Amino acid sequence: MAKSAAKRKREHLLRNLGKDVTIARNEVDFSTHVRITKSKKAKLQQQYTKYEKHFTKGIIPDGNAFYYVFTV
């Protein structure tokens, strides 16, 4: 299998300068490539808030969709 260009550069630095750049890498306690699917509860909550936004965009700041004016 062929070496990547990055690996060749790392080996070149190690061979010529004695500098191991892999030591400077940060250790991560968790994998950044793990993705989890949403739970049923999370999906339902997303749908609820998605359609709830249509009613909260009104003029009224408390989020009511209907506005009643009583005149006497």
PDB file of N, CA and C in Angstrom:
ATOM      1  N   MET A   1       0.839  -1.176   0.000  1.00  0.00           N
ATOM      2  CA  MET A   1       0.000   0.000   0.000  1.00  0.00           C
ATOM      3  C   MET A   1       0.892   1.251   0.000  1.00  0.00           C
ATOM      4  N   ALA A   2       0.506   2.242  -0.721  1.00  0.00           N
ATOM      5  CA  ALA A   2       1.316   3.454  -0.850  1.00  0.00           C
ATOM      6  C   ALA A   2       1.184   4.333   0.391  1.00  0.00           C
ATOM      7  N   LYS A   3       2.223   5.108   0.648  1.00  0.00           N
ATOM      8  CA  LYS A   3       2.210   6.043   1.776  1.00  0.00           C
ATOM      9  C   LYS A   3       1.526   7.337   1.341  1.00  0.00           C
ATOM     10  N   SER A   4       0.845   7.955   2.272  1.00  0.00           N
ATOM     11  CA  SER A   4       0.218   9.233   1.955  1.00  0.00           C
ATOM     12  C   SER A   4       1.281  10.332   1.976  1.00  0.00           C
ATOM     13  N   ALA A   5       0.953  11.451   1.384  1.00  0.00           N
ATOM     14  CA  ALA A   5       1.892  12.572   1.337  1.00  0.00           C
ATOM     15  C   ALA A   5       2.164  13.094   2.741  1.00  0.00           C
ATOM     16  N   ALA A   6       1.151  13.110   3.594  1.00  0.00           N
ATOM     17  CA  ALA A   6       1.323  13.595   4.960  1.00  0.00           C
ATOM     18  C   ALA A   6       2.259  12.689   5.748  1.00  0.00           C
ATOM     19  N   LYS A   7       2.112  11.379   5.548  1.00  0.00           N
ATOM     20  CA  LYS A   7       2.982  10.434   6.253  1.00  0.00           C
ATOM     21  C   LYS A   7       4.427  10.577   5.770  1.00  0.00           C
ATOM     22  N   ARG A   8       4.602  10.792   4.477  1.00  0.00           N
ATOM     23  CA  ARG A   8       5.959  10.994   3.946  1.00  0.00           C
ATOM     24  C   ARG A   8       6.599  12.239   4.550  1.00  0.00           C
ATOM     25  N   LYS A   9       5.822  13.316   4.688  1.00  0.00           N
ATOM     26  CA  LYS A   9       6.345  14.546   5.280  1.00  0.00           C
ATOM     27  C   LYS A   9       6.707  14.346   6.746  1.00  0.00           C
ATOM     28  N   ARG A  10       5.862  13.603   7.488  1.00  0.00           N
ATOM     29  CA  ARG A  10       6.155  13.319   8.895  1.00  0.00           C
ATOM     30  C   ARG A  10       7.449  12.527   9.036  1.00  0.00           C
ATOM     31  N   GLU A  11       7.598  11.513   8.208  1.00  0.00           N
ATOM     32  CA  GLU A  11       8.815  10.692   8.262  1.00  0.00           C
ATOM     33  C   GLU A  11      10.052  11.496   7.865  1.00  0.00           C
ATOM     34  N   HIS A  12       9.894  12.401   6.912  1.00  0.00           N
ATOM     35  CA  HIS A  12      10.995  13.248   6.480  1.00  0.00           C
ATOM     36  C   HIS A  12      11.456  14.155   7.624  1.00  0.00           C
ATOM     37  N   LEU A  13      10.502  14.775   8.342  1.00  0.00           N
ATOM     38  CA  LEU A  13      10.846  15.623   9.474  1.00  0.00           C
ATOM     39  C   LEU A  13      11.524  14.820  10.581  1.00  0.00           C
ATOM     40  N   LEU A  14      11.037  13.618  10.821  1.00  0.00           N
ATOM     41  CA  LEU A  14      11.622  12.767  11.857  1.00  0.00           C
ATOM     42  C   LEU A  14      13.044  12.343  11.480  1.00  0.00           C
ATOM     43  N   ARG A  15      13.234  12.025  10.226  1.00  0.00           N
ATOM     44  CA  ARG A  15      14.539  11.560   9.757  1.00  0.00           C
ATOM     45  C   ARG A  15      15.562  12.691   9.732  1.00  0.00           C
ATOM     46  N   ASN A  16      15.170  13.860   9.218  1.00  0.00           N
ATOM     47  CA  ASN A  16      16.133  14.944   9.034  1.00  0.00           C
ATOM     48  C   ASN A  16      16.303  15.841  10.253  1.00  0.00           C
ATOM     49  N   LEU A  17      15.200  16.171  10.914  1.00  0.00           N
ATOM     50  CA  LEU A  17      15.275  17.108  12.029  1.00  0.00           C
ATOM     51  C   LEU A  17      15.160  16.422  13.390  1.00  0.00           C
ATOM     52  N   GLY A  18      14.736  15.185  13.390  1.00  0.00           N
ATOM     53  CA  GLY A  18      14.538  14.488  14.649  1.00  0.00           C
ATOM     54  C   GLY A  18      13.304  14.966  15.382  1.00  0.00           C
ATOM     55  N   LYS A  19      12.421  15.612  14.670  1.00  0.00           N
ATOM     56  CA  LYS A  19      11.212  16.185  15.279  1.00  0.00           C
ATOM     57  C   LYS A  19      10.029  15.250  15.014  1.00  0.00           C
ATOM     58  N   ASP A  20       9.426  14.728  16.091  1.00  0.00           N
ATOM     59  CA  ASP A  20       8.267  13.854  15.946  1.00  0.00           C
ATOM     60  C   ASP A  20       7.010  14.688  16.158  1.00  0.00           C
ATOM     61  N   VAL A  21       6.324  15.006  15.081  1.00  0.00           N
ATOM     62  CA  VAL A  21       5.156  15.882  15.161  1.00  0.00           C
ATOM     63  C   VAL A  21       3.932  15.174  15.729  1.00  0.00           C
ATOM     64  N   THR A  22       3.958  13.854  15.794  1.00  0.00           N
ATOM     65  CA  THR A  22       2.806  13.140  16.342  1.00  0.00           C
ATOM     66  C   THR A  22       2.677  13.343  17.845  1.00  0.00           C
ATOM     67  N   ILE A  23       3.762  13.751  18.504  1.00  0.00           N
ATOM     68  CA  ILE A  23       3.717  14.011  19.946  1.00  0.00           C
ATOM     69  C   ILE A  23       2.868  15.257  20.229  1.00  0.00           C
ATOM     70  N   ALA A  24       2.870  16.206  19.317  1.00  0.00           N
ATOM     71  CA  ALA A  24       2.151  17.468  19.514  1.00  0.00           C
ATOM     72  C   ALA A  24       0.642  17.330  19.308  1.00  0.00           C
ATOM     73  N   ARG A  25       0.205  16.188  18.859  1.00  0.00           N
ATOM     74  CA  ARG A  25      -1.234  16.000  18.630  1.00  0.00           C
ATOM     75  C   ARG A  25      -1.987  15.954  19.954  1.00  0.00           C
ATOM     76  N   ASN A  26      -3.204  16.484  19.944  1.00  0.00           N
ATOM     77  CA  ASN A  26      -4.033  16.459  21.149  1.00  0.00           C
ATOM     78  C   ASN A  26      -4.692  15.102  21.291  1.00  0.00           C
ATOM     79  N   GLU A  27      -4.779  14.643  22.511  1.00  0.00           N
ATOM     80  CA  GLU A  27      -5.494  13.399  22.789  1.00  0.00           C
ATOM     81  C   GLU A  27      -6.956  13.728  23.054  1.00  0.00           C
ATOM     82  N   VAL A  28      -7.839  13.026  22.397  1.00  0.00           N
ATOM     83  CA  VAL A  28      -9.268  13.246  22.564  1.00  0.00           C
ATOM     84  C   VAL A  28      -9.840  12.042  23.286  1.00  0.00           C
ATOM     85  N   ASP A  29     -10.633  12.298  24.333  1.00  0.00           N
ATOM     86  CA  ASP A  29     -11.197  11.220  25.130  1.00  0.00           C
ATOM     87  C   ASP A  29     -12.383  10.538  24.446  1.00  0.00           C
ATOM     88  N   PHE A  30     -12.943  11.192  23.445  1.00  0.00           N
ATOM     89  CA  PHE A  30     -14.100  10.634  22.773  1.00  0.00           C
ATOM     90  C   PHE A  30     -13.909  10.717  21.270  1.00  0.00           C
ATOM     91  N   SER A  31     -14.623   9.893  20.555  1.00  0.00           N
ATOM     92  CA  SER A  31     -14.537   9.905  19.106  1.00  0.00           C
ATOM     93  C   SER A  31     -15.407  11.025  18.555  1.00  0.00           C
ATOM     94  N   THR A  32     -14.856  11.801  17.654  1.00  0.00           N
ATOM     95  CA  THR A  32     -15.629  12.895  17.066  1.00  0.00           C
ATOM     96  C   THR A  32     -16.421  12.425  15.847  1.00  0.00           C
ATOM     97  N   HIS A  33     -16.277  11.159  15.488  1.00  0.00           N
ATOM     98  CA  HIS A  33     -16.949  10.645  14.300  1.00  0.00           C
ATOM     99  C   HIS A  33     -18.186   9.826  14.618  1.00  0.00           C
ATOM    100  N   VAL A  34     -18.505   9.699  15.891  1.00  0.00           N
ATOM    101  CA  VAL A  34     -19.659   8.901  16.280  1.00  0.00           C
ATOM    102  C   VAL A  34     -20.912   9.753  16.143  1.00  0.00           C
ATOM    103  N   ARG A  35     -21.881   9.244  15.455  1.00  0.00           N
ATOM    104  CA  ARG A  35     -23.161   9.932  15.309  1.00  0.00           C
ATOM    105  C   ARG A  35     -24.244   9.003  15.815  1.00  0.00           C
ATOM    106  N   ILE A  36     -25.172   9.551  16.569  1.00  0.00           N
ATOM    107  CA  ILE A  36     -26.269   8.729  17.059  1.00  0.00           C
ATOM    108  C   ILE A  36     -27.565   9.215  16.426  1.00  0.00           C
ATOM    109  N   THR A  37     -28.488   8.299  16.255  1.00  0.00           N
ATOM    110  CA  THR A  37     -29.777   8.678  15.696  1.00  0.00           C
ATOM    111  C   THR A  37     -30.648   9.232  16.807  1.00  0.00           C
ATOM    112  N   LYS A  38     -31.616  10.022  16.422  1.00  0.00           N
ATOM    113  CA  LYS A  38     -32.501  10.623  17.404  1.00  0.00           C
ATOM    114  C   LYS A  38     -33.441   9.566  17.964  1.00  0.00           C
ATOM    115  N   SER A  39     -33.770   9.742  19.218  1.00  0.00           N
ATOM    116  CA  SER A  39     -34.734   8.839  19.839  1.00  0.00           C
ATOM    117  C   SER A  39     -36.139   9.220  19.380  1.00  0.00           C
ATOM    118  N   LYS A  40     -37.082   8.363  19.685  1.00  0.00           N
ATOM    119  CA  LYS A  40     -38.465   8.626  19.296  1.00  0.00           C
ATOM    120  C   LYS A  40     -38.961   9.897  19.971  1.00  0.00           C
ATOM    121  N   LYS A  41     -38.591  10.076  21.226  1.00  0.00           N
ATOM    122  CA  LYS A  41     -39.006  11.261  21.973  1.00  0.00           C
ATOM    123  C   LYS A  41     -38.429  12.527  21.344  1.00  0.00           C
ATOM    124  N   ALA A  42     -37.172  12.473  20.924  1.00  0.00           N
ATOM    125  CA  ALA A  42     -36.531  13.638  20.309  1.00  0.00           C
ATOM    126  C   ALA A  42     -37.167  13.981  18.963  1.00  0.00           C
ATOM    127  N   LYS A  43     -37.525  12.964  18.187  1.00  0.00           N
ATOM    128  CA  LYS A  43     -38.182  13.215  16.897  1.00  0.00           C
ATOM    129  C   LYS A  43     -39.546  13.857  17.085  1.00  0.00           C
ATOM    130  N   LEU A  44     -40.308  13.344  18.060  1.00  0.00           N
ATOM    131  CA  LEU A  44     -41.626  13.915  18.328  1.00  0.00           C
ATOM    132  C   LEU A  44     -41.515  15.351  18.824  1.00  0.00           C
ATOM    133  N   GLN A  45     -40.528  15.618  19.655  1.00  0.00           N
ATOM    134  CA  GLN A  45     -40.330  16.975  20.165  1.00  0.00           C
ATOM    135  C   GLN A  45     -39.967  17.931  19.039  1.00  0.00           C
ATOM    136  N   GLN A  46     -39.166  17.457  18.085  1.00  0.00           N
ATOM    137  CA  GLN A  46     -38.784  18.293  16.950  1.00  0.00           C
ATOM    138  C   GLN A  46     -40.004  18.629  16.096  1.00  0.00           C
ATOM    139  N   GLN A  47     -40.852  17.643  15.835  1.00  0.00           N
ATOM    140  CA  GLN A  47     -42.055  17.882  15.047  1.00  0.00           C
ATOM    141  C   GLN A  47     -42.994  18.836  15.778  1.00  0.00           C
ATOM    142  N   TYR A  48     -43.115  18.671  17.093  1.00  0.00           N
ATOM    143  CA  TYR A  48     -43.998  19.528  17.877  1.00  0.00           C
ATOM    144  C   TYR A  48     -43.537  20.971  17.813  1.00  0.00           C
ATOM    145  N   THR A  49     -42.254  21.204  18.012  1.00  0.00           N
ATOM    146  CA  THR A  49     -41.761  22.581  18.001  1.00  0.00           C
ATOM    147  C   THR A  49     -41.766  23.162  16.589  1.00  0.00           C
ATOM    148  N   LYS A  50     -41.614  22.307  15.587  1.00  0.00           N
ATOM    149  CA  LYS A  50     -41.626  22.783  14.209  1.00  0.00           C
ATOM    150  C   LYS A  50     -42.979  23.395  13.858  1.00  0.00           C
ATOM    151  N   TYR A  51     -44.039  22.688  14.186  1.00  0.00           N
ATOM    152  CA  TYR A  51     -45.364  23.180  13.830  1.00  0.00           C
ATOM    153  C   TYR A  51     -45.891  24.176  14.844  1.00  0.00           C
ATOM    154  N   GLU A  52     -45.340  24.189  16.034  1.00  0.00           N
ATOM    155  CA  GLU A  52     -45.749  25.153  17.039  1.00  0.00           C
ATOM    156  C   GLU A  52     -45.290  26.556  16.652  1.00  0.00           C
ATOM    157  N   LYS A  53     -44.211  26.655  15.909  1.00  0.00           N
ATOM    158  CA  LYS A  53     -43.656  27.953  15.548  1.00  0.00           C
ATOM    159  C   LYS A  53     -44.602  28.760  14.667  1.00  0.00           C
ATOM    160  N   HIS A  54     -45.464  28.091  13.916  1.00  0.00           N
ATOM    161  CA  HIS A  54     -46.383  28.804  13.040  1.00  0.00           C
ATOM    162  C   HIS A  54     -47.342  29.673  13.846  1.00  0.00           C
ATOM    163  N   PHE A  55     -47.685  29.235  15.053  1.00  0.00           N
ATOM    164  CA  PHE A  55     -48.635  29.967  15.861  1.00  0.00           C
ATOM    165  C   PHE A  55     -47.962  31.007  16.747  1.00  0.00           C
ATOM    166  N   THR A  56     -46.701  30.846  17.005  1.00  0.00           N
ATOM    167  CA  THR A  56     -46.023  31.783  17.895  1.00  0.00           C
ATOM    168  C   THR A  56     -45.434  32.974  17.161  1.00  0.00           C
ATOM    169  N   LYS A  57     -45.579  33.043  15.854  1.00  0.00           N
ATOM    170  CA  LYS A  57     -44.997  34.142  15.092  1.00  0.00           C
ATOM    171  C   LYS A  57     -45.915  35.358  15.011  1.00  0.00           C
ATOM    172  N   GLY A  58     -47.028  35.329  15.705  1.00  0.00           N
ATOM    173  CA  GLY A  58     -47.999  36.412  15.612  1.00  0.00           C
ATOM    174  C   GLY A  58     -47.512  37.709  16.224  1.00  0.00           C
ATOM    175  N   ILE A  59     -48.379  38.672  16.221  1.00  0.00           N
ATOM    176  CA  ILE A  59     -48.061  39.992  16.740  1.00  0.00           C
ATOM    177  C   ILE A  59     -47.995  39.969  18.267  1.00  0.00           C
ATOM    178  N   ILE A  60     -48.768  39.079  18.861  1.00  0.00           N
ATOM    179  CA  ILE A  60     -48.888  39.037  20.304  1.00  0.00           C
ATOM    180  C   ILE A  60     -47.629  38.432  20.907  1.00  0.00           C
ATOM    181  N   PRO A  61     -47.015  39.084  21.874  1.00  0.00           N
ATOM    182  CA  PRO A  61     -45.754  38.586  22.412  1.00  0.00           C
ATOM    183  C   PRO A  61     -45.871  37.313  23.241  1.00  0.00           C
ATOM    184  N   ASP A  62     -47.063  37.011  23.786  1.00  0.00           N
ATOM    185  CA  ASP A  62     -47.173  35.810  24.613  1.00  0.00           C
ATOM    186  C   ASP A  62     -47.374  34.548  23.781  1.00  0.00           C
ATOM    187  N   GLY A  63     -47.465  34.656  22.475  1.00  0.00           N
ATOM    188  CA  GLY A  63     -47.502  33.497  21.610  1.00  0.00           C
ATOM    189  C   GLY A  63     -48.892  32.987  21.275  1.00  0.00           C
ATOM    190  N   ASN A  64     -49.955  33.691  21.651  1.00  0.00           N
ATOM    191  CA  ASN A  64     -51.302  33.243  21.314  1.00  0.00           C
ATOM    192  C   ASN A  64     -51.574  33.469  19.833  1.00  0.00           C
ATOM    193  N   ALA A  65     -52.257  32.519  19.241  1.00  0.00           N
ATOM    194  CA  ALA A  65     -52.547  32.629  17.818  1.00  0.00           C
ATOM    195  C   ALA A  65     -53.766  33.518  17.566  1.00  0.00           C
ATOM    196  N   PHE A  66     -54.624  33.641  18.557  1.00  0.00           N
ATOM    197  CA  PHE A  66     -55.850  34.422  18.387  1.00  0.00           C
ATOM    198  C   PHE A  66     -55.836  35.599  19.342  1.00  0.00           C
ATOM    199  N   TYR A  67     -56.418  36.666  18.894  1.00  0.00           N
ATOM    200  CA  TYR A  67     -56.428  37.880  19.687  1.00  0.00           C
ATOM    201  C   TYR A  67     -57.852  38.367  19.767  1.00  0.00           C
ATOM    202  N   TYR A  68     -58.365  38.476  20.963  1.00  0.00           N
ATOM    203  CA  TYR A  68     -59.742  38.926  21.166  1.00  0.00           C
ATOM    204  C   TYR A  68     -59.727  40.327  21.725  1.00  0.00           C
ATOM    205  N   VAL A  69     -60.577  41.170  21.152  1.00  0.00           N
ATOM    206  CA  VAL A  69     -60.713  42.528  21.642  1.00  0.00           C
ATOM    207  C   VAL A  69     -62.150  42.691  22.104  1.00  0.00           C
ATOM    208  N   PHE A  70     -62.305  43.030  23.370  1.00  0.00           N
ATOM    209  CA  PHE A  70     -63.647  43.262  23.917  1.00  0.00           C
ATOM    210  C   PHE A  70     -63.867  44.747  24.034  1.00  0.00           C
ATOM    211  N   THR A  71     -64.884  45.190  23.380  1.00  0.00           N
ATOM    212  CA  THR A  71     -65.236  46.600  23.490  1.00  0.00           C
ATOM    213  C   THR A  71     -66.583  46.706  24.181  1.00  0.00           C
ATOM    214  N   VAL A  72     -66.675  47.635  25.059  1.00  0.00           N
ATOM    215  CA  VAL A  72     -67.923  47.791  25.831  1.00  0.00           C
ATOM    216  C   VAL A  72     -68.608  49.058  25.423  1.00  0.00           C
TER     217      VAL A  72
END
